[in-house]
C-alpha cells in the first residue's frame, strides 16, 4: 500500500521527473589560416586563391595579398581545425599544380 501523502491530485502515485544535466558543449578551437610571402608567386595568383578558397571579394583579397607581401605573413581566415586544414591543402595543391611555391599554414587562435 502507498503512502497517502505521496499521491498526486488525481489520487494516483506522485511522479517525479528525473532531470539529467546536459554536458556543457565546448566551442571548438579555432585556427588561423596564414599565408606566407615568397618572391616568386605572382600577386594575381594570390588574389585568385583568396577569392576562390576564402570567399574574399577582389578588394579584400588584394588588401590581404599586399599585407602578406609587405609583412611576410597574413591571415586568410579563421576556421575550425578540419576546415582550416582543408583550405591549406586546397591552396597548396593549386599552387603546386601551377608551379608556385606559395605556402600556407595554420596556427591556433
C-alpha atoms as a PDB file:
ATOM      1  CA  UNK A   1       0.000   0.000   0.000  1.00  0.00           C
ATOM      2  CA  UNK A   2       1.273   3.509  -0.795  1.00  0.00           C
ATOM      3  CA  UNK A   3       1.612   6.471   1.493  1.00  0.00           C
ATOM      4  CA  UNK A   4      -1.428   8.786   1.087  1.00  0.00           C
ATOM      5  CA  UNK A   5       0.795  11.876   1.347  1.00  0.00           C
ATOM      6  CA  UNK A   6       2.636  10.795  -1.795  1.00  0.00           C
ATOM      7  CA  UNK A   7      -0.342  10.927  -4.154  1.00  0.00           C
ATOM      8  CA  UNK A   8      -0.928  13.441  -6.888  1.00  0.00           C
ATOM      9  CA  UNK A   9      -4.108  15.496  -7.222  1.00  0.00           C
ATOM     10  CA  UNK A  10      -5.919  12.649  -9.067  1.00  0.00           C
ATOM     11  CA  UNK A  11      -5.327  10.133  -6.304  1.00  0.00           C
ATOM     12  CA  UNK A  12      -2.581   8.296  -8.241  1.00  0.00           C
ATOM     13  CA  UNK A  13       1.023   7.954  -7.086  1.00  0.00           C
ATOM     14  CA  UNK A  14       3.107  11.115  -7.455  1.00  0.00           C
ATOM     15  CA  UNK A  15       5.635  11.006 -10.256  1.00  0.00           C
ATOM     16  CA  UNK A  16       8.931  12.836 -10.365  1.00  0.00           C
ATOM     17  CA  UNK A  17      10.849  13.927 -13.425  1.00  0.00           C
ATOM     18  CA  UNK A  18      14.466  12.897 -13.496  1.00  0.00           C
ATOM     19  CA  UNK A  19      16.430  15.759 -14.967  1.00  0.00           C
ATOM     20  CA  UNK A  20      19.772  14.777 -16.428  1.00  0.00           C
ATOM     21  CA  UNK A  21      22.183  17.687 -16.512  1.00  0.00           C
ATOM     22  CA  UNK A  22      23.294  18.376 -20.062  1.00  0.00           C
ATOM     23  CA  UNK A  23      27.007  18.202 -20.602  1.00  0.00           C
ATOM     24  CA  UNK A  24      28.436  21.599 -21.411  1.00  0.00           C
ATOM     25  CA  UNK A  25      29.349  21.775 -25.071  1.00  0.00           C
ATOM     26  CA  UNK A  26      32.671  23.462 -25.625  1.00  0.00           C
ATOM     27  CA  UNK A  27      33.160  25.680 -28.628  1.00  0.00           C
ATOM     28  CA  UNK A  28      35.681  24.121 -30.992  1.00  0.00           C
ATOM     29  CA  UNK A  29      39.177  25.547 -31.035  1.00  0.00           C
ATOM     30  CA  UNK A  30      39.667  27.956 -33.903  1.00  0.00           C
ATOM     31  CA  UNK A  31      42.670  28.156 -36.208  1.00  0.00           C
ATOM     32  CA  UNK A  32      44.018  30.981 -38.329  1.00  0.00           C
ATOM     33  CA  UNK A  33      44.996  30.095 -41.883  1.00  0.00           C
ATOM     34  CA  UNK A  34      48.202  32.005 -42.562  1.00  0.00           C
ATOM     35  CA  UNK A  35      49.690  32.741 -45.961  1.00  0.00           C
ATOM     36  CA  UNK A  36      53.439  33.251 -46.204  1.00  0.00           C
ATOM     37  CA  UNK A  37      55.154  35.596 -48.622  1.00  0.00           C
ATOM     38  CA  UNK A  38      57.599  34.397 -51.242  1.00  0.00           C
ATOM     39  CA  UNK A  39      59.398  36.192 -54.054  1.00  0.00           C
ATOM     40  CA  UNK A  40      58.037  34.016 -56.866  1.00  0.00           C
ATOM     41  CA  UNK A  41      54.264  33.504 -56.629  1.00  0.00           C
ATOM     42  CA  UNK A  42      52.502  36.143 -58.755  1.00  0.00           C
ATOM     43  CA  UNK A  43      50.363  38.600 -56.816  1.00  0.00           C
ATOM     44  CA  UNK A  44      47.400  37.939 -59.128  1.00  0.00           C
ATOM     45  CA  UNK A  45      47.563  34.217 -58.299  1.00  0.00           C
ATOM     46  CA  UNK A  46      47.449  35.014 -54.574  1.00  0.00           C
ATOM     47  CA  UNK A  47      44.402  37.245 -55.103  1.00  0.00           C
ATOM     48  CA  UNK A  48      42.738  34.421 -57.076  1.00  0.00           C
ATOM     49  CA  UNK A  49      43.428  31.950 -54.223  1.00  0.00           C
ATOM     50  CA  UNK A  50      41.939  34.326 -51.648  1.00  0.00           C
ATOM     51  CA  UNK A  51      38.815  34.816 -53.754  1.00  0.00           C
ATOM     52  CA  UNK A  52      38.389  31.116 -54.570  1.00  0.00           C
ATOM     53  CA  UNK A  53      39.136  29.412 -51.262  1.00  0.00           C
ATOM     54  CA  UNK A  54      38.453  32.144 -48.709  1.00  0.00           C
ATOM     55  CA  UNK A  55      35.446  33.851 -50.376  1.00  0.00           C
ATOM     56  CA  UNK A  56      37.090  37.271 -50.343  1.00  0.00           C
ATOM     57  CA  UNK A  57      35.979  39.942 -52.777  1.00  0.00           C
ATOM     58  CA  UNK A  58      38.594  41.487 -55.074  1.00  0.00           C
ATOM     59  CA  UNK A  59      39.310  44.459 -52.774  1.00  0.00           C
ATOM     60  CA  UNK A  60      39.663  42.354 -49.620  1.00  0.00           C
ATOM     61  CA  UNK A  61      41.796  39.755 -51.432  1.00  0.00           C
ATOM     62  CA  UNK A  62      44.073  42.499 -52.755  1.00  0.00           C
ATOM     63  CA  UNK A  63      44.374  44.063 -49.298  1.00  0.00           C
ATOM     64  CA  UNK A  64      45.344  40.700 -47.718  1.00  0.00           C
ATOM     65  CA  UNK A  65      47.788  39.944 -50.553  1.00  0.00           C
ATOM     66  CA  UNK A  66      49.509  43.306 -50.061  1.00  0.00           C
ATOM     67  CA  UNK A  67      49.670  42.732 -46.313  1.00  0.00           C
ATOM     68  CA  UNK A  68      51.362  39.349 -46.916  1.00  0.00           C
ATOM     69  CA  UNK A  69      53.717  40.964 -49.437  1.00  0.00           C
ATOM     70  CA  UNK A  70      54.752  43.756 -47.053  1.00  0.00           C
ATOM     71  CA  UNK A  71      54.741  41.927 -43.709  1.00  0.00           C
ATOM     72  CA  UNK A  72      55.733  38.417 -44.790  1.00  0.00           C
ATOM     73  CA  UNK A  73      52.610  36.729 -43.427  1.00  0.00           C
ATOM     74  CA  UNK A  74      48.885  37.392 -43.306  1.00  0.00           C
ATOM     75  CA  UNK A  75      45.646  35.857 -42.053  1.00  0.00           C
ATOM     76  CA  UNK A  76      43.319  34.497 -44.747  1.00  0.00           C
ATOM     77  CA  UNK A  77      40.571  33.432 -42.335  1.00  0.00           C
ATOM     78  CA  UNK A  78      39.752  31.699 -39.046  1.00  0.00           C
ATOM     79  CA  UNK A  79      38.129  28.254 -39.036  1.00  0.00           C
ATOM     80  CA  UNK A  80      37.744  25.034 -37.103  1.00  0.00           C
ATOM     81  CA  UNK A  81      40.736  22.688 -37.388  1.00  0.00           C
ATOM     82  CA  UNK A  82      39.260  20.463 -40.089  1.00  0.00           C
ATOM     83  CA  UNK A  83      38.153  23.383 -42.266  1.00  0.00           C
ATOM     84  CA  UNK A  84      41.494  25.182 -41.831  1.00  0.00           C
ATOM     85  CA  UNK A  85      43.443  22.030 -42.759  1.00  0.00           C
ATOM     86  CA  UNK A  86      41.266  21.508 -45.837  1.00  0.00           C
ATOM     87  CA  UNK A  87      41.806  25.083 -47.006  1.00  0.00           C
ATOM     88  CA  UNK A  88      45.584  24.799 -46.566  1.00  0.00           C
ATOM     89  CA  UNK A  89      45.584  21.587 -48.609  1.00  0.00           C
ATOM     90  CA  UNK A  90      43.473  23.166 -51.367  1.00  0.00           C
ATOM     91  CA  UNK A  91      45.742  26.219 -51.593  1.00  0.00           C
ATOM     92  CA  UNK A  92      48.938  24.175 -51.604  1.00  0.00           C
ATOM     93  CA  UNK A  93      47.586  21.740 -54.222  1.00  0.00           C
ATOM     94  CA  UNK A  94      46.566  24.544 -56.590  1.00  0.00           C
ATOM     95  CA  UNK A  95      49.886  26.328 -56.074  1.00  0.00           C
ATOM     96  CA  UNK A  96      51.842  23.153 -56.904  1.00  0.00           C
ATOM     97  CA  UNK A  97      49.690  22.499 -59.982  1.00  0.00           C
ATOM     98  CA  UNK A  98      50.699  25.970 -61.177  1.00  0.00           C
ATOM     99  CA  UNK A  99      54.368  25.559 -60.155  1.00  0.00           C
ATOM    100  CA  UNK A 100      54.188  28.241 -57.471  1.00  0.00           C
ATOM    101  CA  UNK A 101      55.990  27.908 -54.118  1.00  0.00           C
ATOM    102  CA  UNK A 102      53.119  29.541 -52.196  1.00  0.00           C
ATOM    103  CA  UNK A 103      52.952  28.356 -48.575  1.00  0.00           C
ATOM    104  CA  UNK A 104      50.004  28.279 -46.183  1.00  0.00           C
ATOM    105  CA  UNK A 105      49.886  27.049 -42.625  1.00  0.00           C
ATOM    106  CA  UNK A 106      47.585  27.073 -39.611  1.00  0.00           C
ATOM    107  CA  UNK A 107      48.048  28.486 -36.136  1.00  0.00           C
ATOM    108  CA  UNK A 108      45.799  28.028 -33.119  1.00  0.00           C
ATOM    109  CA  UNK A 109      43.974  31.238 -32.300  1.00  0.00           C
END
